[in-house]
Amino acid sequence: HGRGFGFPYGTSLEPANYDESLDVIRGTEALE
């Protein structure tokens, strides 16, 4: 677990579809 203070860099993150996202991460080394 790591902490980073809020940074005024802006963000490219957007709300994503759960099922489609699950298809992406399923089977990845990170999830395993």
PDB file of all heavy atoms in Angstrom:
ATOM      1  N   HIS A   1       0.850  -1.186   0.000  1.00  0.00           N
ATOM      2  CA  HIS A   1       0.000   0.000   0.000  1.00  0.00           C
ATOM      3  C   HIS A   1       0.888   1.240   0.000  1.00  0.00           C
ATOM      4  O   HIS A   1       1.868   1.319   0.727  1.00  0.00           O
ATOM      5  CB  HIS A   1      -0.972   0.007   1.185  1.00  0.00           C
ATOM      6  CG  HIS A   1      -0.329   0.102   2.532  1.00  0.00           C
ATOM      7  ND1 HIS A   1       0.105  -0.987   3.244  1.00  0.00           N
ATOM      8  CD2 HIS A   1      -0.046   1.182   3.298  1.00  0.00           C
ATOM      9  CE1 HIS A   1       0.623  -0.605   4.390  1.00  0.00           C
ATOM     10  NE2 HIS A   1       0.540   0.711   4.451  1.00  0.00           N
ATOM     11  N   GLY A   2       0.525   2.173  -0.861  1.00  0.00           N
ATOM     12  CA  GLY A   2       1.319   3.389  -0.990  1.00  0.00           C
ATOM     13  C   GLY A   2       0.433   4.620  -1.030  1.00  0.00           C
ATOM     14  O   GLY A   2      -0.713   4.570  -1.502  1.00  0.00           O
ATOM     15  N   ARG A   3       0.978   5.728  -0.537  1.00  0.00           N
ATOM     16  CA  ARG A   3       0.230   6.993  -0.506  1.00  0.00           C
ATOM     17  C   ARG A   3       0.952   8.047  -1.320  1.00  0.00           C
ATOM     18  O   ARG A   3       2.168   8.200  -1.229  1.00  0.00           O
ATOM     19  CB  ARG A   3       0.070   7.497   0.935  1.00  0.00           C
ATOM     20  CG  ARG A   3      -0.832   6.648   1.801  1.00  0.00           C
ATOM     21  CD  ARG A   3      -0.960   7.227   3.208  1.00  0.00           C
ATOM     22  NE  ARG A   3      -1.901   6.451   4.012  1.00  0.00           N
ATOM     23  CZ  ARG A   3      -1.580   5.373   4.709  1.00  0.00           C
ATOM     24  NH1 ARG A   3      -0.321   4.945   4.705  1.00  0.00           N
ATOM     25  NH2 ARG A   3      -2.484   4.725   5.412  1.00  0.00           N
ATOM     26  N   GLY A   4       0.156   8.778  -2.094  1.00  0.00           N
ATOM     27  CA  GLY A   4       0.674   9.927  -2.824  1.00  0.00           C
ATOM     28  C   GLY A   4      -0.278  11.086  -2.649  1.00  0.00           C
ATOM     29  O   GLY A   4      -1.492  10.925  -2.796  1.00  0.00           O
ATOM     30  N   PHE A   5       0.241  12.262  -2.290  1.00  0.00           N
ATOM     31  CA  PHE A   5      -0.655  13.388  -2.042  1.00  0.00           C
ATOM     32  C   PHE A   5      -1.269  13.863  -3.355  1.00  0.00           C
ATOM     33  O   PHE A   5      -0.693  13.726  -4.438  1.00  0.00           O
ATOM     34  CB  PHE A   5       0.061  14.527  -1.326  1.00  0.00           C
ATOM     35  CG  PHE A   5       1.151  15.186  -2.141  1.00  0.00           C
ATOM     36  CD1 PHE A   5       0.864  16.233  -3.003  1.00  0.00           C
ATOM     37  CD2 PHE A   5       2.473  14.777  -2.013  1.00  0.00           C
ATOM     38  CE1 PHE A   5       1.860  16.848  -3.747  1.00  0.00           C
ATOM     39  CE2 PHE A   5       3.475  15.382  -2.745  1.00  0.00           C
ATOM     40  CZ  PHE A   5       3.172  16.409  -3.614  1.00  0.00           C
ATOM     41  N   GLY A   6      -2.488  14.393  -3.238  1.00  0.00           N
ATOM     42  CA  GLY A   6      -3.189  14.886  -4.413  1.00  0.00           C
ATOM     43  C   GLY A   6      -2.344  15.896  -5.170  1.00  0.00           C
ATOM     44  O   GLY A   6      -1.779  16.821  -4.574  1.00  0.00           O
ATOM     45  N   PHE A   7      -2.241  15.733  -6.458  1.00  0.00           N
ATOM     46  CA  PHE A   7      -1.298  16.504  -7.266  1.00  0.00           C
ATOM     47  C   PHE A   7      -2.049  17.214  -8.382  1.00  0.00           C
ATOM     48  O   PHE A   7      -2.839  16.580  -9.096  1.00  0.00           O
ATOM     49  CB  PHE A   7      -0.255  15.540  -7.847  1.00  0.00           C
ATOM     50  CG  PHE A   7       0.843  16.216  -8.614  1.00  0.00           C
ATOM     51  CD1 PHE A   7       1.725  17.068  -7.976  1.00  0.00           C
ATOM     52  CD2 PHE A   7       0.994  15.989  -9.973  1.00  0.00           C
ATOM     53  CE1 PHE A   7       2.757  17.680  -8.692  1.00  0.00           C
ATOM     54  CE2 PHE A   7       2.008  16.600 -10.691  1.00  0.00           C
ATOM     55  CZ  PHE A   7       2.891  17.449 -10.041  1.00  0.00           C
ATOM     56  N   PRO A   8      -1.829  18.530  -8.571  1.00  0.00           N
ATOM     57  CA  PRO A   8      -2.583  19.294  -9.585  1.00  0.00           C
ATOM     58  C   PRO A   8      -2.082  19.039 -10.994  1.00  0.00           C
ATOM     59  O   PRO A   8      -1.791  19.957 -11.761  1.00  0.00           O
ATOM     60  CB  PRO A   8      -2.343  20.746  -9.150  1.00  0.00           C
ATOM     61  CG  PRO A   8      -1.002  20.717  -8.496  1.00  0.00           C
ATOM     62  CD  PRO A   8      -0.940  19.403  -7.778  1.00  0.00           C
ATOM     63  N   TYR A   9      -1.988  17.790 -11.339  1.00  0.00           N
ATOM     64  CA  TYR A   9      -1.493  17.374 -12.650  1.00  0.00           C
ATOM     65  C   TYR A   9      -2.637  17.199 -13.635  1.00  0.00           C
ATOM     66  O   TYR A   9      -2.444  17.220 -14.834  1.00  0.00           O
ATOM     67  CB  TYR A   9      -0.721  16.059 -12.455  1.00  0.00           C
ATOM     68  CG  TYR A   9      -0.377  15.290 -13.701  1.00  0.00           C
ATOM     69  CD1 TYR A   9       0.734  15.637 -14.472  1.00  0.00           C
ATOM     70  CD2 TYR A   9      -1.153  14.208 -14.116  1.00  0.00           C
ATOM     71  CE1 TYR A   9       1.055  14.928 -15.614  1.00  0.00           C
ATOM     72  CE2 TYR A   9      -0.838  13.497 -15.257  1.00  0.00           C
ATOM     73  CZ  TYR A   9       0.266  13.857 -16.002  1.00  0.00           C
ATOM     74  OH  TYR A   9       0.582  13.145 -17.119  1.00  0.00           O
ATOM     75  N   GLY A  10      -3.844  17.056 -13.078  1.00  0.00           N
ATOM     76  CA  GLY A  10      -4.969  16.688 -13.910  1.00  0.00           C
ATOM     77  C   GLY A  10      -5.037  15.171 -13.993  1.00  0.00           C
ATOM     78  O   GLY A  10      -4.166  14.462 -13.471  1.00  0.00           O
ATOM     79  N   THR A  11      -6.056  14.662 -14.636  1.00  0.00           N
ATOM     80  CA  THR A  11      -6.207  13.211 -14.724  1.00  0.00           C
ATOM     81  C   THR A  11      -6.878  12.823 -16.027  1.00  0.00           C
ATOM     82  O   THR A  11      -7.756  13.531 -16.524  1.00  0.00           O
ATOM     83  CB  THR A  11      -7.019  12.675 -13.543  1.00  0.00           C
ATOM     84  OG1 THR A  11      -7.198  11.262 -13.683  1.00  0.00           O
ATOM     85  CG2 THR A  11      -8.383  13.346 -13.456  1.00  0.00           C
ATOM     86  N   SER A  12      -6.417  11.699 -16.566  1.00  0.00           N
ATOM     87  CA  SER A  12      -7.031  11.137 -17.767  1.00  0.00           C
ATOM     88  C   SER A  12      -7.945   9.969 -17.443  1.00  0.00           C
ATOM     89  O   SER A  12      -8.473   9.313 -18.340  1.00  0.00           O
ATOM     90  CB  SER A  12      -5.939  10.660 -18.748  1.00  0.00           C
ATOM     91  OG  SER A  12      -5.098  11.729 -19.135  1.00  0.00           O
ATOM     92  N   LEU A  13      -8.123   9.696 -16.148  1.00  0.00           N
ATOM     93  CA  LEU A  13      -8.980   8.590 -15.747  1.00  0.00           C
ATOM     94  C   LEU A  13     -10.441   8.955 -15.981  1.00  0.00           C
ATOM     95  O   LEU A  13     -10.872  10.077 -15.722  1.00  0.00           O
ATOM     96  CB  LEU A  13      -8.773   8.260 -14.264  1.00  0.00           C
ATOM     97  CG  LEU A  13      -7.360   7.874 -13.835  1.00  0.00           C
ATOM     98  CD1 LEU A  13      -7.349   7.481 -12.365  1.00  0.00           C
ATOM     99  CD2 LEU A  13      -6.821   6.737 -14.691  1.00  0.00           C
ATOM    100  N   GLU A  14     -11.206   7.975 -16.452  1.00  0.00           N
ATOM    101  CA  GLU A  14     -12.624   8.187 -16.720  1.00  0.00           C
ATOM    102  C   GLU A  14     -13.421   6.994 -16.217  1.00  0.00           C
ATOM    103  O   GLU A  14     -12.896   5.876 -16.143  1.00  0.00           O
ATOM    104  CB  GLU A  14     -12.861   8.366 -18.230  1.00  0.00           C
ATOM    105  CG  GLU A  14     -12.214   9.610 -18.806  1.00  0.00           C
ATOM    106  CD  GLU A  14     -12.527   9.770 -20.281  1.00  0.00           C
ATOM    107  OE1 GLU A  14     -13.108   8.821 -20.866  1.00  0.00           O
ATOM    108  OE2 GLU A  14     -12.197  10.828 -20.841  1.00  0.00           O
ATOM    109  N   PRO A  15     -14.687   7.211 -15.857  1.00  0.00           N
ATOM    110  CA  PRO A  15     -15.533   6.075 -15.477  1.00  0.00           C
ATOM    111  C   PRO A  15     -15.556   5.035 -16.588  1.00  0.00           C
ATOM    112  O   PRO A  15     -15.629   5.378 -17.770  1.00  0.00           O
ATOM    113  CB  PRO A  15     -16.912   6.718 -15.273  1.00  0.00           C
ATOM    114  CG  PRO A  15     -16.615   8.150 -14.956  1.00  0.00           C
ATOM    115  CD  PRO A  15     -15.407   8.503 -15.768  1.00  0.00           C
ATOM    116  N   ALA A  16     -15.462   3.775 -16.182  1.00  0.00           N
ATOM    117  CA  ALA A  16     -15.381   2.702 -17.161  1.00  0.00           C
ATOM    118  C   ALA A  16     -16.498   1.697 -16.932  1.00  0.00           C
ATOM    119  O   ALA A  16     -17.069   1.602 -15.844  1.00  0.00           O
ATOM    120  CB  ALA A  16     -14.018   2.009 -17.067  1.00  0.00           C
ATOM    121  N   ASN A  17     -16.799   0.929 -17.973  1.00  0.00           N
ATOM    122  CA  ASN A  17     -17.780  -0.133 -17.874  1.00  0.00           C
ATOM    123  C   ASN A  17     -17.190  -1.281 -17.066  1.00  0.00           C
ATOM    124  O   ASN A  17     -16.086  -1.744 -17.360  1.00  0.00           O
ATOM    125  CB  ASN A  17     -18.177  -0.606 -19.272  1.00  0.00           C
ATOM    126  CG  ASN A  17     -19.163  -1.754 -19.242  1.00  0.00           C
ATOM    127  OD1 ASN A  17     -18.781  -2.915 -19.125  1.00  0.00           O
ATOM    128  ND2 ASN A  17     -20.445  -1.428 -19.352  1.00  0.00           N
ATOM    129  N   TYR A  18     -17.926  -1.743 -16.062  1.00  0.00           N
ATOM    130  CA  TYR A  18     -17.377  -2.763 -15.156  1.00  0.00           C
ATOM    131  C   TYR A  18     -17.097  -4.067 -15.898  1.00  0.00           C
ATOM    132  O   TYR A  18     -16.007  -4.632 -15.784  1.00  0.00           O
ATOM    133  CB  TYR A  18     -18.334  -3.015 -13.994  1.00  0.00           C
ATOM    134  CG  TYR A  18     -17.760  -3.956 -12.953  1.00  0.00           C
ATOM    135  CD1 TYR A  18     -17.001  -3.452 -11.901  1.00  0.00           C
ATOM    136  CD2 TYR A  18     -17.956  -5.329 -13.035  1.00  0.00           C
ATOM    137  CE1 TYR A  18     -16.453  -4.302 -10.954  1.00  0.00           C
ATOM    138  CE2 TYR A  18     -17.411  -6.188 -12.092  1.00  0.00           C
ATOM    139  CZ  TYR A  18     -16.659  -5.669 -11.052  1.00  0.00           C
ATOM    140  OH  TYR A  18     -16.095  -6.510 -10.127  1.00  0.00           O
ATOM    141  N   ASP A  19     -18.077  -4.565 -16.634  1.00  0.00           N
ATOM    142  CA  ASP A  19     -17.912  -5.860 -17.289  1.00  0.00           C
ATOM    143  C   ASP A  19     -16.779  -5.829 -18.307  1.00  0.00           C
ATOM    144  O   ASP A  19     -15.978  -6.773 -18.397  1.00  0.00           O
ATOM    145  CB  ASP A  19     -19.216  -6.293 -17.959  1.00  0.00           C
ATOM    146  CG  ASP A  19     -20.323  -6.567 -16.947  1.00  0.00           C
ATOM    147  OD1 ASP A  19     -19.988  -6.999 -15.823  1.00  0.00           O
ATOM    148  OD2 ASP A  19     -21.493  -6.334 -17.264  1.00  0.00           O
ATOM    149  N   GLU A  20     -16.695  -4.754 -19.079  1.00  0.00           N
ATOM    150  CA  GLU A  20     -15.616  -4.647 -20.062  1.00  0.00           C
ATOM    151  C   GLU A  20     -14.260  -4.550 -19.372  1.00  0.00           C
ATOM    152  O   GLU A  20     -13.271  -5.131 -19.825  1.00  0.00           O
ATOM    153  CB  GLU A  20     -15.852  -3.438 -20.958  1.00  0.00           C
ATOM    154  CG  GLU A  20     -17.066  -3.568 -21.868  1.00  0.00           C
ATOM    155  CD  GLU A  20     -17.332  -2.323 -22.684  1.00  0.00           C
ATOM    156  OE1 GLU A  20     -16.566  -1.341 -22.530  1.00  0.00           O
ATOM    157  OE2 GLU A  20     -18.296  -2.322 -23.475  1.00  0.00           O
ATOM    158  N   SER A  21     -14.213  -3.815 -18.250  1.00  0.00           N
ATOM    159  CA  SER A  21     -12.961  -3.684 -17.505  1.00  0.00           C
ATOM    160  C   SER A  21     -12.545  -5.022 -16.904  1.00  0.00           C
ATOM    161  O   SER A  21     -11.361  -5.369 -16.878  1.00  0.00           O
ATOM    162  CB  SER A  21     -13.109  -2.643 -16.401  1.00  0.00           C
ATOM    163  OG  SER A  21     -13.408  -1.374 -16.936  1.00  0.00           O
ATOM    164  N   LEU A  22     -13.533  -5.774 -16.430  1.00  0.00           N
ATOM    165  CA  LEU A  22     -13.237  -7.084 -15.866  1.00  0.00           C
ATOM    166  C   LEU A  22     -12.648  -8.005 -16.932  1.00  0.00           C
ATOM    167  O   LEU A  22     -11.731  -8.791 -16.653  1.00  0.00           O
ATOM    168  CB  LEU A  22     -14.500  -7.697 -15.268  1.00  0.00           C
ATOM    169  CG  LEU A  22     -14.304  -8.930 -14.386  1.00  0.00           C
ATOM    170  CD1 LEU A  22     -13.445  -8.593 -13.174  1.00  0.00           C
ATOM    171  CD2 LEU A  22     -15.648  -9.492 -13.934  1.00  0.00           C
ATOM    172  N   ASP A  23     -13.145  -7.902 -18.144  1.00  0.00           N
ATOM    173  CA  ASP A  23     -12.583  -8.697 -19.238  1.00  0.00           C
ATOM    174  C   ASP A  23     -11.119  -8.344 -19.476  1.00  0.00           C
ATOM    175  O   ASP A  23     -10.305  -9.208 -19.818  1.00  0.00           O
ATOM    176  CB  ASP A  23     -13.382  -8.474 -20.528  1.00  0.00           C
ATOM    177  CG  ASP A  23     -14.755  -9.147 -20.495  1.00  0.00           C
ATOM    178  OD1 ASP A  23     -14.935 -10.062 -19.674  1.00  0.00           O
ATOM    179  OD2 ASP A  23     -15.631  -8.743 -21.281  1.00  0.00           O
ATOM    180  N   VAL A  24     -10.772  -7.077 -19.272  1.00  0.00           N
ATOM    181  CA  VAL A  24      -9.395  -6.638 -19.491  1.00  0.00           C
ATOM    182  C   VAL A  24      -8.463  -7.175 -18.419  1.00  0.00           C
ATOM    183  O   VAL A  24      -7.364  -7.667 -18.708  1.00  0.00           O
ATOM    184  CB  VAL A  24      -9.326  -5.093 -19.538  1.00  0.00           C
ATOM    185  CG1 VAL A  24      -7.875  -4.617 -19.546  1.00  0.00           C
ATOM    186  CG2 VAL A  24     -10.053  -4.568 -20.759  1.00  0.00           C
ATOM    187  N   ILE A  25      -8.891  -7.089 -17.153  1.00  0.00           N
ATOM    188  CA  ILE A  25      -7.975  -7.459 -16.061  1.00  0.00           C
ATOM    189  C   ILE A  25      -7.994  -8.950 -15.754  1.00  0.00           C
ATOM    190  O   ILE A  25      -7.054  -9.460 -15.137  1.00  0.00           O
ATOM    191  CB  ILE A  25      -8.302  -6.670 -14.777  1.00  0.00           C
ATOM    192  CG1 ILE A  25      -9.692  -7.023 -14.242  1.00  0.00           C
ATOM    193  CG2 ILE A  25      -8.161  -5.178 -15.027  1.00  0.00           C
ATOM    194  CD1 ILE A  25     -10.016  -6.338 -12.926  1.00  0.00           C
ATOM    195  N   ARG A  26      -9.040  -9.645 -16.169  1.00  0.00           N
ATOM    196  CA  ARG A  26      -9.112 -11.075 -15.878  1.00  0.00           C
ATOM    197  C   ARG A  26      -7.959 -11.801 -16.579  1.00  0.00           C
ATOM    198  O   ARG A  26      -7.731 -11.645 -17.766  1.00  0.00           O
ATOM    199  CB  ARG A  26     -10.449 -11.648 -16.331  1.00  0.00           C
ATOM    200  CG  ARG A  26     -10.660 -13.095 -15.900  1.00  0.00           C
ATOM    201  CD  ARG A  26     -11.977 -13.649 -16.412  1.00  0.00           C
ATOM    202  NE  ARG A  26     -13.113 -13.145 -15.638  1.00  0.00           N
ATOM    203  CZ  ARG A  26     -14.096 -12.423 -16.135  1.00  0.00           C
ATOM    204  NH1 ARG A  26     -14.054 -12.062 -17.408  1.00  0.00           N
ATOM    205  NH2 ARG A  26     -15.106 -12.034 -15.378  1.00  0.00           N
ATOM    206  N   GLY A  27      -7.218 -12.573 -15.831  1.00  0.00           N
ATOM    207  CA  GLY A  27      -6.096 -13.315 -16.393  1.00  0.00           C
ATOM    208  C   GLY A  27      -4.790 -12.551 -16.410  1.00  0.00           C
ATOM    209  O   GLY A  27      -3.758 -13.092 -16.813  1.00  0.00           O
ATOM    210  N   THR A  28      -4.800 -11.279 -15.968  1.00  0.00           N
ATOM    211  CA  THR A  28      -3.550 -10.530 -15.917  1.00  0.00           C
ATOM    212  C   THR A  28      -2.690 -11.001 -14.749  1.00  0.00           C
ATOM    213  O   THR A  28      -3.191 -11.541 -13.760  1.00  0.00           O
ATOM    214  CB  THR A  28      -3.810  -9.025 -15.757  1.00  0.00           C
ATOM    215  OG1 THR A  28      -4.490  -8.796 -14.501  1.00  0.00           O
ATOM    216  CG2 THR A  28      -4.665  -8.488 -16.899  1.00  0.00           C
ATOM    217  N   GLU A  29      -1.388 -10.796 -14.872  1.00  0.00           N
ATOM    218  CA  GLU A  29      -0.479 -11.159 -13.786  1.00  0.00           C
ATOM    219  C   GLU A  29      -0.801 -10.380 -12.527  1.00  0.00           C
ATOM    220  O   GLU A  29      -0.642 -10.890 -11.412  1.00  0.00           O
ATOM    221  CB  GLU A  29       0.969 -10.910 -14.207  1.00  0.00           C
ATOM    222  CG  GLU A  29       1.465 -11.864 -15.294  1.00  0.00           C
ATOM    223  CD  GLU A  29       2.927 -11.643 -15.608  1.00  0.00           C
ATOM    224  OE1 GLU A  29       3.573 -10.811 -14.927  1.00  0.00           O
ATOM    225  OE2 GLU A  29       3.441 -12.299 -16.541  1.00  0.00           O
ATOM    226  N   ALA A  30      -1.260  -9.129 -12.689  1.00  0.00           N
ATOM    227  CA  ALA A  30      -1.566  -8.300 -11.522  1.00  0.00           C
ATOM    228  C   ALA A  30      -2.692  -8.906 -10.702  1.00  0.00           C
ATOM    229  O   ALA A  30      -2.612  -8.989  -9.473  1.00  0.00           O
ATOM    230  CB  ALA A  30      -1.931  -6.889 -11.976  1.00  0.00           C
ATOM    231  N   LEU A  31      -3.770  -9.334 -11.375  1.00  0.00           N
ATOM    232  CA  LEU A  31      -4.903  -9.902 -10.643  1.00  0.00           C
ATOM    233  C   LEU A  31      -4.540 -11.260 -10.050  1.00  0.00           C
ATOM    234  O   LEU A  31      -4.947 -11.587  -8.930  1.00  0.00           O
ATOM    235  CB  LEU A  31      -6.124 -10.028 -11.565  1.00  0.00           C
ATOM    236  CG  LEU A  31      -7.446 -10.355 -10.863  1.00  0.00           C
ATOM    237  CD1 LEU A  31      -7.820  -9.261  -9.869  1.00  0.00           C
ATOM    238  CD2 LEU A  31      -8.565 -10.550 -11.883  1.00  0.00           C
ATOM    239  N   GLU A  32      -3.768 -12.039 -10.784  1.00  0.00           N
ATOM    240  CA  GLU A  32      -3.334 -13.333 -10.260  1.00  0.00           C
ATOM    241  C   GLU A  32      -2.432 -13.158  -9.051  1.00  0.00           C
ATOM    242  O   GLU A  32      -2.482 -13.944  -8.096  1.00  0.00           O
ATOM    243  CB  GLU A  32      -2.624 -14.127 -11.355  1.00  0.00           C
ATOM    244  CG  GLU A  32      -3.549 -14.595 -12.470  1.00  0.00           C
ATOM    245  CD  GLU A  32      -2.812 -15.346 -13.557  1.00  0.00           C
ATOM    246  OE1 GLU A  32      -1.574 -15.494 -13.430  1.00  0.00           O
ATOM    247  OE2 GLU A  32      -3.467 -15.779 -14.527  1.00  0.00           O
TER     248      GLU A  32
END
